[in-house]
Amino acid sequence: MTNTGHDNTGDFSTGLDNTGYYNTGHFNTGNTNTGNTNTGNRNTGNRNTGNRNTGNSNTGNTNAGHSNTGNFNTGHLNTGGCNTGNRNAGHFNTGNFNTGDYHVGCFNTVNAGKAYYFNKLIDRAEWYAADKPSWVYRVMPTQWVESDEMTKAEKAANPSHKTTGGYLRTKDMKQAWVDAFATATPEDIELTKALPGFDAEVFLEITGVDLRRPDRQAEAAAPLEGHKMCIDGVLYTLRREEKDT
């Protein structure tokens, strides 16, 4: 069977430069893709390295959202699995910013008047009416990086970038929080502390950002202390810098 596209090595492909079969998009190395630059199978989005994704830039499987590294997510920017919300590091969550699992219950037919916020039962109406700090929506645990912006170590660890044009860089969830907090204004910080049920200890545990001390605006913890990071082939061990008092 001949191909109708160009430079296709598989059969029944109608796009360009496909090496798999039954692709209608372009630059796919898997099979049955309708999007572009996929290395997996049955993807309808773009830049997926997993299988059966309908969104974009997923490295997991069966995601309907974007930029997920887990599996079976319908939301965005999840590093866990089976989430329908966004930016969850846990699993089976329907809300956002959860590091635990199974938030919201099952088989309920009535609307919940209360929900857990900061480990406390709070009226949902009170939570939704509260002004939210904008910086929490800048938490980005995953980021698509083009090939020309990748380090040598990243290229060596992700050879598929030659086909996909890049890869999905992930970072520790706490580091993503700390990076986003660096953009917070003083007003944002006050809105954070004014959230219903706010608990600085819980907030520190989840985000690595310390808002416990009233004499300081905030202090970012060192969530990666002791971890190792490879940059351009050089291995570094991270540690927290001690400040003189």
C-alpha atoms as a PDB file:
ATOM      1  CA  MET A   1       0.000   0.000   0.000  1.00  0.00           C
ATOM      2  CA  THR A   2       1.417   3.371  -0.954  1.00  0.00           C
ATOM      3  CA  ASN A   3       1.392   6.474   1.251  1.00  0.00           C
ATOM      4  CA  THR A   4      -0.214   9.740   0.209  1.00  0.00           C
ATOM      5  CA  GLY A   5       2.131  11.901   2.321  1.00  0.00           C
ATOM      6  CA  HIS A   6       5.848  12.527   1.983  1.00  0.00           C
ATOM      7  CA  ASP A   7       8.689  10.542   3.517  1.00  0.00           C
ATOM      8  CA  ASN A   8       6.380   8.098   5.271  1.00  0.00           C
ATOM      9  CA  THR A   9       7.752   4.660   6.106  1.00  0.00           C
ATOM     10  CA  GLY A  10       4.433   3.254   7.391  1.00  0.00           C
ATOM     11  CA  ASP A  11       1.300   2.456   5.416  1.00  0.00           C
ATOM     12  CA  PHE A  12      -1.876   4.489   5.204  1.00  0.00           C
ATOM     13  CA  SER A  13      -0.243   7.694   6.533  1.00  0.00           C
ATOM     14  CA  THR A  14      -1.451  10.903   4.921  1.00  0.00           C
ATOM     15  CA  GLY A  15       0.758  13.427   6.734  1.00  0.00           C
ATOM     16  CA  LEU A  16       4.420  14.316   6.331  1.00  0.00           C
ATOM     17  CA  ASP A  17       7.502  12.517   7.654  1.00  0.00           C
ATOM     18  CA  ASN A  18       5.680   9.819   9.632  1.00  0.00           C
ATOM     19  CA  THR A  19       7.477   6.607  10.575  1.00  0.00           C
ATOM     20  CA  GLY A  20       4.402   4.848  11.966  1.00  0.00           C
ATOM     21  CA  TYR A  21       1.108   3.743  10.475  1.00  0.00           C
ATOM     22  CA  TYR A  22      -2.320   5.297   9.993  1.00  0.00           C
ATOM     23  CA  ASN A  23      -1.182   8.807  10.912  1.00  0.00           C
ATOM     24  CA  THR A  24      -3.060  11.843   9.570  1.00  0.00           C
ATOM     25  CA  GLY A  25      -0.778  14.374  11.266  1.00  0.00           C
ATOM     26  CA  HIS A  26       2.867  15.141  10.685  1.00  0.00           C
ATOM     27  CA  PHE A  27       6.215  14.034  12.137  1.00  0.00           C
ATOM     28  CA  ASN A  28       4.771  11.130  14.142  1.00  0.00           C
ATOM     29  CA  THR A  29       6.875   8.109  15.104  1.00  0.00           C
ATOM     30  CA  GLY A  30       3.944   6.153  16.563  1.00  0.00           C
ATOM     31  CA  ASN A  31       0.748   4.856  15.017  1.00  0.00           C
ATOM     32  CA  THR A  32      -2.788   6.152  14.476  1.00  0.00           C
ATOM     33  CA  ASN A  33      -2.028   9.758  15.453  1.00  0.00           C
ATOM     34  CA  THR A  34      -4.156  12.639  14.171  1.00  0.00           C
ATOM     35  CA  GLY A  35      -1.985  15.348  15.737  1.00  0.00           C
ATOM     36  CA  ASN A  36       1.596  16.362  15.083  1.00  0.00           C
ATOM     37  CA  THR A  37       4.999  15.437  16.490  1.00  0.00           C
ATOM     38  CA  ASN A  38       3.796  12.500  18.598  1.00  0.00           C
ATOM     39  CA  THR A  39       6.080   9.625  19.602  1.00  0.00           C
ATOM     40  CA  GLY A  40       3.293   7.474  21.053  1.00  0.00           C
ATOM     41  CA  ASN A  41       0.139   5.945  19.615  1.00  0.00           C
ATOM     42  CA  ARG A  42      -3.457   7.090  19.109  1.00  0.00           C
ATOM     43  CA  ASN A  43      -2.786  10.715  20.067  1.00  0.00           C
ATOM     44  CA  THR A  44      -5.054  13.478  18.753  1.00  0.00           C
ATOM     45  CA  GLY A  45      -3.040  16.348  20.232  1.00  0.00           C
ATOM     46  CA  ASN A  46       0.493  17.562  19.635  1.00  0.00           C
ATOM     47  CA  ARG A  47       3.902  16.835  21.179  1.00  0.00           C
ATOM     48  CA  ASN A  48       2.747  13.796  23.133  1.00  0.00           C
ATOM     49  CA  THR A  49       5.224  11.081  24.113  1.00  0.00           C
ATOM     50  CA  GLY A  50       2.609   8.776  25.643  1.00  0.00           C
ATOM     51  CA  ASN A  51      -0.434   7.021  24.229  1.00  0.00           C
ATOM     52  CA  ARG A  52      -4.098   7.903  23.702  1.00  0.00           C
ATOM     53  CA  ASN A  53      -3.684  11.581  24.637  1.00  0.00           C
ATOM     54  CA  THR A  54      -6.157  14.152  23.314  1.00  0.00           C
ATOM     55  CA  GLY A  55      -4.313  17.172  24.719  1.00  0.00           C
ATOM     56  CA  ASN A  56      -0.867  18.593  24.048  1.00  0.00           C
ATOM     57  CA  SER A  57       2.603  18.117  25.531  1.00  0.00           C
ATOM     58  CA  ASN A  58       1.714  15.094  27.656  1.00  0.00           C
ATOM     59  CA  THR A  59       4.354  12.545  28.682  1.00  0.00           C
ATOM     60  CA  GLY A  60       1.847  10.163  30.275  1.00  0.00           C
ATOM     61  CA  ASN A  61      -1.014   8.143  28.826  1.00  0.00           C
ATOM     62  CA  THR A  62      -4.711   8.715  28.232  1.00  0.00           C
ATOM     63  CA  ASN A  63      -4.671  12.394  29.175  1.00  0.00           C
ATOM     64  CA  ALA A  64      -7.360  14.750  27.889  1.00  0.00           C
ATOM     65  CA  GLY A  65      -5.626  17.858  29.232  1.00  0.00           C
ATOM     66  CA  HIS A  66      -2.289  19.501  28.559  1.00  0.00           C
ATOM     67  CA  SER A  67       1.211  19.239  30.006  1.00  0.00           C
ATOM     68  CA  ASN A  68       0.502  16.263  32.243  1.00  0.00           C
ATOM     69  CA  THR A  69       3.246  13.846  33.301  1.00  0.00           C
ATOM     70  CA  GLY A  70       0.823  11.389  34.916  1.00  0.00           C
ATOM     71  CA  ASN A  71      -1.870   9.191  33.399  1.00  0.00           C
ATOM     72  CA  PHE A  72      -5.631   9.476  32.902  1.00  0.00           C
ATOM     73  CA  ASN A  73      -5.774  13.210  33.657  1.00  0.00           C
ATOM     74  CA  THR A  74      -8.486  15.438  32.185  1.00  0.00           C
ATOM     75  CA  GLY A  75      -7.040  18.608  33.709  1.00  0.00           C
ATOM     76  CA  HIS A  76      -3.782  20.424  33.083  1.00  0.00           C
ATOM     77  CA  LEU A  77      -0.305  20.475  34.608  1.00  0.00           C
ATOM     78  CA  ASN A  78      -0.828  17.430  36.799  1.00  0.00           C
ATOM     79  CA  THR A  79       2.102  15.314  37.937  1.00  0.00           C
ATOM     80  CA  GLY A  80      -0.203  12.722  39.514  1.00  0.00           C
ATOM     81  CA  GLY A  81      -2.779  10.462  37.884  1.00  0.00           C
ATOM     82  CA  CYS A  82      -6.540  10.342  37.324  1.00  0.00           C
ATOM     83  CA  ASN A  83      -7.085  14.021  38.160  1.00  0.00           C
ATOM     84  CA  THR A  84      -9.871  16.140  36.678  1.00  0.00           C
ATOM     85  CA  GLY A  85      -8.527  19.337  38.237  1.00  0.00           C
ATOM     86  CA  ASN A  86      -5.302  21.227  37.647  1.00  0.00           C
ATOM     87  CA  ARG A  87      -1.809  21.266  39.148  1.00  0.00           C
ATOM     88  CA  ASN A  88      -2.332  18.216  41.361  1.00  0.00           C
ATOM     89  CA  ALA A  89       0.619  16.178  42.592  1.00  0.00           C
ATOM     90  CA  GLY A  90      -1.689  13.548  44.086  1.00  0.00           C
ATOM     91  CA  HIS A  91      -4.104  11.132  42.439  1.00  0.00           C
ATOM     92  CA  PHE A  92      -7.864  10.956  41.830  1.00  0.00           C
ATOM     93  CA  ASN A  93      -8.472  14.609  42.676  1.00  0.00           C
ATOM     94  CA  THR A  94     -11.239  16.699  41.123  1.00  0.00           C
ATOM     95  CA  GLY A  95      -9.961  19.947  42.651  1.00  0.00           C
ATOM     96  CA  ASN A  96      -6.751  21.926  42.258  1.00  0.00           C
ATOM     97  CA  PHE A  97      -3.387  22.126  44.032  1.00  0.00           C
ATOM     98  CA  ASN A  98      -3.791  18.870  45.967  1.00  0.00           C
ATOM     99  CA  THR A  99      -0.823  16.804  47.105  1.00  0.00           C
ATOM    100  CA  GLY A 100      -3.072  14.165  48.676  1.00  0.00           C
ATOM    101  CA  ASP A 101      -5.375  11.638  47.000  1.00  0.00           C
ATOM    102  CA  TYR A 102      -9.099  11.071  46.567  1.00  0.00           C
ATOM    103  CA  HIS A 103     -10.272  14.582  47.367  1.00  0.00           C
ATOM    104  CA  VAL A 104     -14.041  15.044  46.931  1.00  0.00           C
ATOM    105  CA  GLY A 105     -16.133  11.971  47.643  1.00  0.00           C
ATOM    106  CA  CYS A 106     -17.872   9.359  45.533  1.00  0.00           C
ATOM    107  CA  PHE A 107     -21.484   8.600  44.638  1.00  0.00           C
ATOM    108  CA  ASN A 108     -22.908  11.878  46.013  1.00  0.00           C
ATOM    109  CA  THR A 109     -26.093  13.314  44.513  1.00  0.00           C
ATOM    110  CA  VAL A 110     -26.331  16.459  46.677  1.00  0.00           C
ATOM    111  CA  ASN A 111     -24.125  19.521  46.605  1.00  0.00           C
ATOM    112  CA  ALA A 112     -21.543  19.655  49.360  1.00  0.00           C
ATOM    113  CA  GLY A 113     -22.043  22.705  51.552  1.00  0.00           C
ATOM    114  CA  LYS A 114     -18.569  22.389  53.004  1.00  0.00           C
ATOM    115  CA  ALA A 115     -15.206  21.135  51.819  1.00  0.00           C
ATOM    116  CA  TYR A 116     -11.755  20.733  53.300  1.00  0.00           C
ATOM    117  CA  TYR A 117      -9.430  23.718  52.908  1.00  0.00           C
ATOM    118  CA  PHE A 118      -6.156  23.647  54.814  1.00  0.00           C
ATOM    119  CA  ASN A 119      -7.416  20.458  56.484  1.00  0.00           C
ATOM    120  CA  LYS A 120     -10.465  22.271  57.900  1.00  0.00           C
ATOM    121  CA  LEU A 121     -14.119  22.017  56.930  1.00  0.00           C
ATOM    122  CA  ILE A 122     -14.993  25.425  55.483  1.00  0.00           C
ATOM    123  CA  ASP A 123     -18.158  26.674  53.817  1.00  0.00           C
ATOM    124  CA  ARG A 124     -17.619  26.394  50.085  1.00  0.00           C
ATOM    125  CA  ALA A 125     -19.448  29.678  49.541  1.00  0.00           C
ATOM    126  CA  GLU A 126     -16.952  31.423  51.832  1.00  0.00           C
ATOM    127  CA  TRP A 127     -14.028  29.960  49.885  1.00  0.00           C
ATOM    128  CA  TYR A 128     -15.375  30.909  46.483  1.00  0.00           C
ATOM    129  CA  ALA A 129     -16.227  34.429  47.652  1.00  0.00           C
ATOM    130  CA  ALA A 130     -12.678  35.048  48.904  1.00  0.00           C
ATOM    131  CA  ASP A 131     -10.219  36.959  46.739  1.00  0.00           C
ATOM    132  CA  LYS A 132      -7.499  34.607  45.559  1.00  0.00           C
ATOM    133  CA  PRO A 133      -3.842  35.658  45.147  1.00  0.00           C
ATOM    134  CA  SER A 134      -2.855  35.607  41.484  1.00  0.00           C
ATOM    135  CA  TRP A 135       0.564  34.062  42.113  1.00  0.00           C
ATOM    136  CA  VAL A 136      -0.875  30.619  42.966  1.00  0.00           C
ATOM    137  CA  TYR A 137      -2.028  30.286  39.339  1.00  0.00           C
ATOM    138  CA  ARG A 138       1.561  30.655  38.143  1.00  0.00           C
ATOM    139  CA  VAL A 139       2.673  27.339  39.661  1.00  0.00           C
ATOM    140  CA  MET A 140       4.162  25.455  36.709  1.00  0.00           C
ATOM    141  CA  PRO A 141       5.512  21.980  37.596  1.00  0.00           C
ATOM    142  CA  THR A 142       5.798  21.150  33.896  1.00  0.00           C
ATOM    143  CA  GLN A 143       7.057  23.263  31.011  1.00  0.00           C
ATOM    144  CA  TRP A 144       7.520  22.484  27.330  1.00  0.00           C
ATOM    145  CA  VAL A 145      11.132  23.189  26.318  1.00  0.00           C
ATOM    146  CA  GLU A 146      12.200  23.445  22.684  1.00  0.00           C
ATOM    147  CA  SER A 147      15.228  21.400  21.598  1.00  0.00           C
ATOM    148  CA  ASP A 148      17.462  24.438  21.169  1.00  0.00           C
ATOM    149  CA  GLU A 149      16.761  25.424  24.804  1.00  0.00           C
ATOM    150  CA  MET A 150      17.537  21.971  26.267  1.00  0.00           C
ATOM    151  CA  THR A 151      20.775  21.231  28.094  1.00  0.00           C
ATOM    152  CA  LYS A 152      23.179  18.574  26.854  1.00  0.00           C
ATOM    153  CA  ALA A 153      22.138  16.291  29.709  1.00  0.00           C
ATOM    154  CA  GLU A 154      18.458  16.743  28.882  1.00  0.00           C
ATOM    155  CA  LYS A 155      19.080  15.921  25.219  1.00  0.00           C
ATOM    156  CA  ALA A 156      20.999  12.787  26.166  1.00  0.00           C
ATOM    157  CA  ALA A 157      18.221  11.654  28.531  1.00  0.00           C
ATOM    158  CA  ASN A 158      15.428  12.501  26.064  1.00  0.00           C
ATOM    159  CA  PRO A 159      16.572  11.504  22.554  1.00  0.00           C
ATOM    160  CA  SER A 160      12.958  11.715  21.328  1.00  0.00           C
ATOM    161  CA  HIS A 161      13.364  15.517  21.316  1.00  0.00           C
ATOM    162  CA  LYS A 162      14.780  15.136  17.810  1.00  0.00           C
ATOM    163  CA  THR A 163      11.344  14.004  16.689  1.00  0.00           C
ATOM    164  CA  THR A 164       9.115  16.034  19.003  1.00  0.00           C
ATOM    165  CA  GLY A 165      11.136  19.250  18.782  1.00  0.00           C
ATOM    166  CA  GLY A 166      11.627  19.365  22.548  1.00  0.00           C
ATOM    167  CA  TYR A 167      10.457  17.690  25.747  1.00  0.00           C
ATOM    168  CA  LEU A 168       8.359  18.326  28.852  1.00  0.00           C
ATOM    169  CA  ARG A 169      10.646  19.533  31.628  1.00  0.00           C
ATOM    170  CA  THR A 170       9.382  18.768  35.126  1.00  0.00           C
ATOM    171  CA  LYS A 171      10.450  20.169  38.451  1.00  0.00           C
ATOM    172  CA  ASP A 172       9.846  19.321  42.082  1.00  0.00           C
ATOM    173  CA  MET A 173       6.355  20.546  43.032  1.00  0.00           C
ATOM    174  CA  LYS A 174       7.657  22.566  45.967  1.00  0.00           C
ATOM    175  CA  GLN A 175      10.244  24.214  43.746  1.00  0.00           C
ATOM    176  CA  ALA A 176       7.420  25.155  41.362  1.00  0.00           C
ATOM    177  CA  TRP A 177       5.609  26.793  44.282  1.00  0.00           C
ATOM    178  CA  VAL A 178       8.720  28.665  45.403  1.00  0.00           C
ATOM    179  CA  ASP A 179       9.378  29.903  41.866  1.00  0.00           C
ATOM    180  CA  ALA A 180       5.792  31.144  41.539  1.00  0.00           C
ATOM    181  CA  PHE A 181       5.930  32.797  44.968  1.00  0.00           C
ATOM    182  CA  ALA A 182       8.896  34.856  43.794  1.00  0.00           C
ATOM    183  CA  THR A 183       6.411  36.750  41.583  1.00  0.00           C
ATOM    184  CA  ALA A 184       3.987  37.511  44.424  1.00  0.00           C
ATOM    185  CA  THR A 185       3.319  41.123  45.365  1.00  0.00           C
ATOM    186  CA  PRO A 186       2.860  42.244  48.994  1.00  0.00           C
ATOM    187  CA  GLU A 187      -0.878  42.439  48.267  1.00  0.00           C
ATOM    188  CA  ASP A 188      -0.806  38.853  46.959  1.00  0.00           C
ATOM    189  CA  ILE A 189       0.887  37.683  50.140  1.00  0.00           C
ATOM    190  CA  GLU A 190      -1.769  39.329  52.303  1.00  0.00           C
ATOM    191  CA  LEU A 191      -4.510  37.706  50.186  1.00  0.00           C
ATOM    192  CA  THR A 192      -2.791  34.349  50.695  1.00  0.00           C
ATOM    193  CA  LYS A 193      -2.807  34.713  54.484  1.00  0.00           C
ATOM    194  CA  ALA A 194      -6.440  35.866  54.360  1.00  0.00           C
ATOM    195  CA  LEU A 195      -7.691  32.732  52.602  1.00  0.00           C
ATOM    196  CA  PRO A 196     -10.467  31.001  54.580  1.00  0.00           C
ATOM    197  CA  GLY A 197      -9.003  28.492  56.991  1.00  0.00           C
ATOM    198  CA  PHE A 198      -5.429  29.521  56.173  1.00  0.00           C
ATOM    199  CA  ASP A 199      -2.895  27.503  58.138  1.00  0.00           C
ATOM    200  CA  ALA A 200       0.744  28.516  57.733  1.00  0.00           C
ATOM    201  CA  GLU A 201       2.028  25.097  58.825  1.00  0.00           C
ATOM    202  CA  VAL A 202      -0.078  23.277  56.231  1.00  0.00           C
ATOM    203  CA  PHE A 203       0.850  25.868  53.620  1.00  0.00           C
ATOM    204  CA  LEU A 204       4.559  25.352  54.346  1.00  0.00           C
ATOM    205  CA  GLU A 205       4.219  21.564  54.101  1.00  0.00           C
ATOM    206  CA  ILE A 206       2.581  21.784  50.668  1.00  0.00           C
ATOM    207  CA  THR A 207       4.420  24.708  49.092  1.00  0.00           C
ATOM    208  CA  GLY A 208       7.768  25.072  50.854  1.00  0.00           C
ATOM    209  CA  VAL A 209       6.917  28.752  51.448  1.00  0.00           C
ATOM    210  CA  ASP A 210       7.084  29.849  55.086  1.00  0.00           C
ATOM    211  CA  LEU A 211       4.437  32.417  56.066  1.00  0.00           C
ATOM    212  CA  ARG A 212       4.541  31.619  59.779  1.00  0.00           C
ATOM    213  CA  ARG A 213       6.703  34.546  60.929  1.00  0.00           C
ATOM    214  CA  PRO A 214       4.885  37.884  61.140  1.00  0.00           C
ATOM    215  CA  ASP A 215       8.162  39.826  61.263  1.00  0.00           C
ATOM    216  CA  ARG A 216       9.085  38.686  57.765  1.00  0.00           C
ATOM    217  CA  GLN A 217       7.111  38.909  54.560  1.00  0.00           C
ATOM    218  CA  ALA A 218       7.889  35.298  53.676  1.00  0.00           C
ATOM    219  CA  GLU A 219      10.721  32.856  53.523  1.00  0.00           C
ATOM    220  CA  ALA A 220      11.050  30.110  50.960  1.00  0.00           C
ATOM    221  CA  ALA A 221      12.157  26.787  52.387  1.00  0.00           C
ATOM    222  CA  ALA A 222      14.774  24.681  50.656  1.00  0.00           C
ATOM    223  CA  PRO A 223      12.594  21.815  49.315  1.00  0.00           C
ATOM    224  CA  LEU A 224      15.400  20.363  47.225  1.00  0.00           C
ATOM    225  CA  GLU A 225      18.135  20.416  49.844  1.00  0.00           C
ATOM    226  CA  GLY A 226      20.210  17.263  49.538  1.00  0.00           C
ATOM    227  CA  HIS A 227      18.829  16.472  46.099  1.00  0.00           C
ATOM    228  CA  LYS A 228      21.146  16.012  43.151  1.00  0.00           C
ATOM    229  CA  MET A 229      20.808  17.875  39.863  1.00  0.00           C
ATOM    230  CA  CYS A 230      22.677  17.248  36.620  1.00  0.00           C
ATOM    231  CA  ILE A 231      23.407  20.332  34.503  1.00  0.00           C
ATOM    232  CA  ASP A 232      25.334  19.907  31.262  1.00  0.00           C
ATOM    233  CA  GLY A 233      26.727  16.623  32.487  1.00  0.00           C
ATOM    234  CA  VAL A 234      27.928  17.984  35.865  1.00  0.00           C
ATOM    235  CA  LEU A 235      26.300  16.560  39.020  1.00  0.00           C
ATOM    236  CA  TYR A 236      25.478  19.079  41.763  1.00  0.00           C
ATOM    237  CA  THR A 237      24.190  18.478  45.307  1.00  0.00           C
ATOM    238  CA  LEU A 238      21.853  21.246  46.470  1.00  0.00           C
ATOM    239  CA  ARG A 239      22.063  22.744  49.929  1.00  0.00           C
ATOM    240  CA  ARG A 240      20.494  25.697  51.680  1.00  0.00           C
ATOM    241  CA  GLU A 241      22.702  28.739  52.145  1.00  0.00           C
ATOM    242  CA  GLU A 242      23.078  29.796  55.750  1.00  0.00           C
ATOM    243  CA  LYS A 243      22.607  33.523  56.393  1.00  0.00           C
ATOM    244  CA  ASP A 244      24.391  35.523  59.037  1.00  0.00           C
ATOM    245  CA  THR A 245      22.089  36.881  61.738  1.00  0.00           C
END
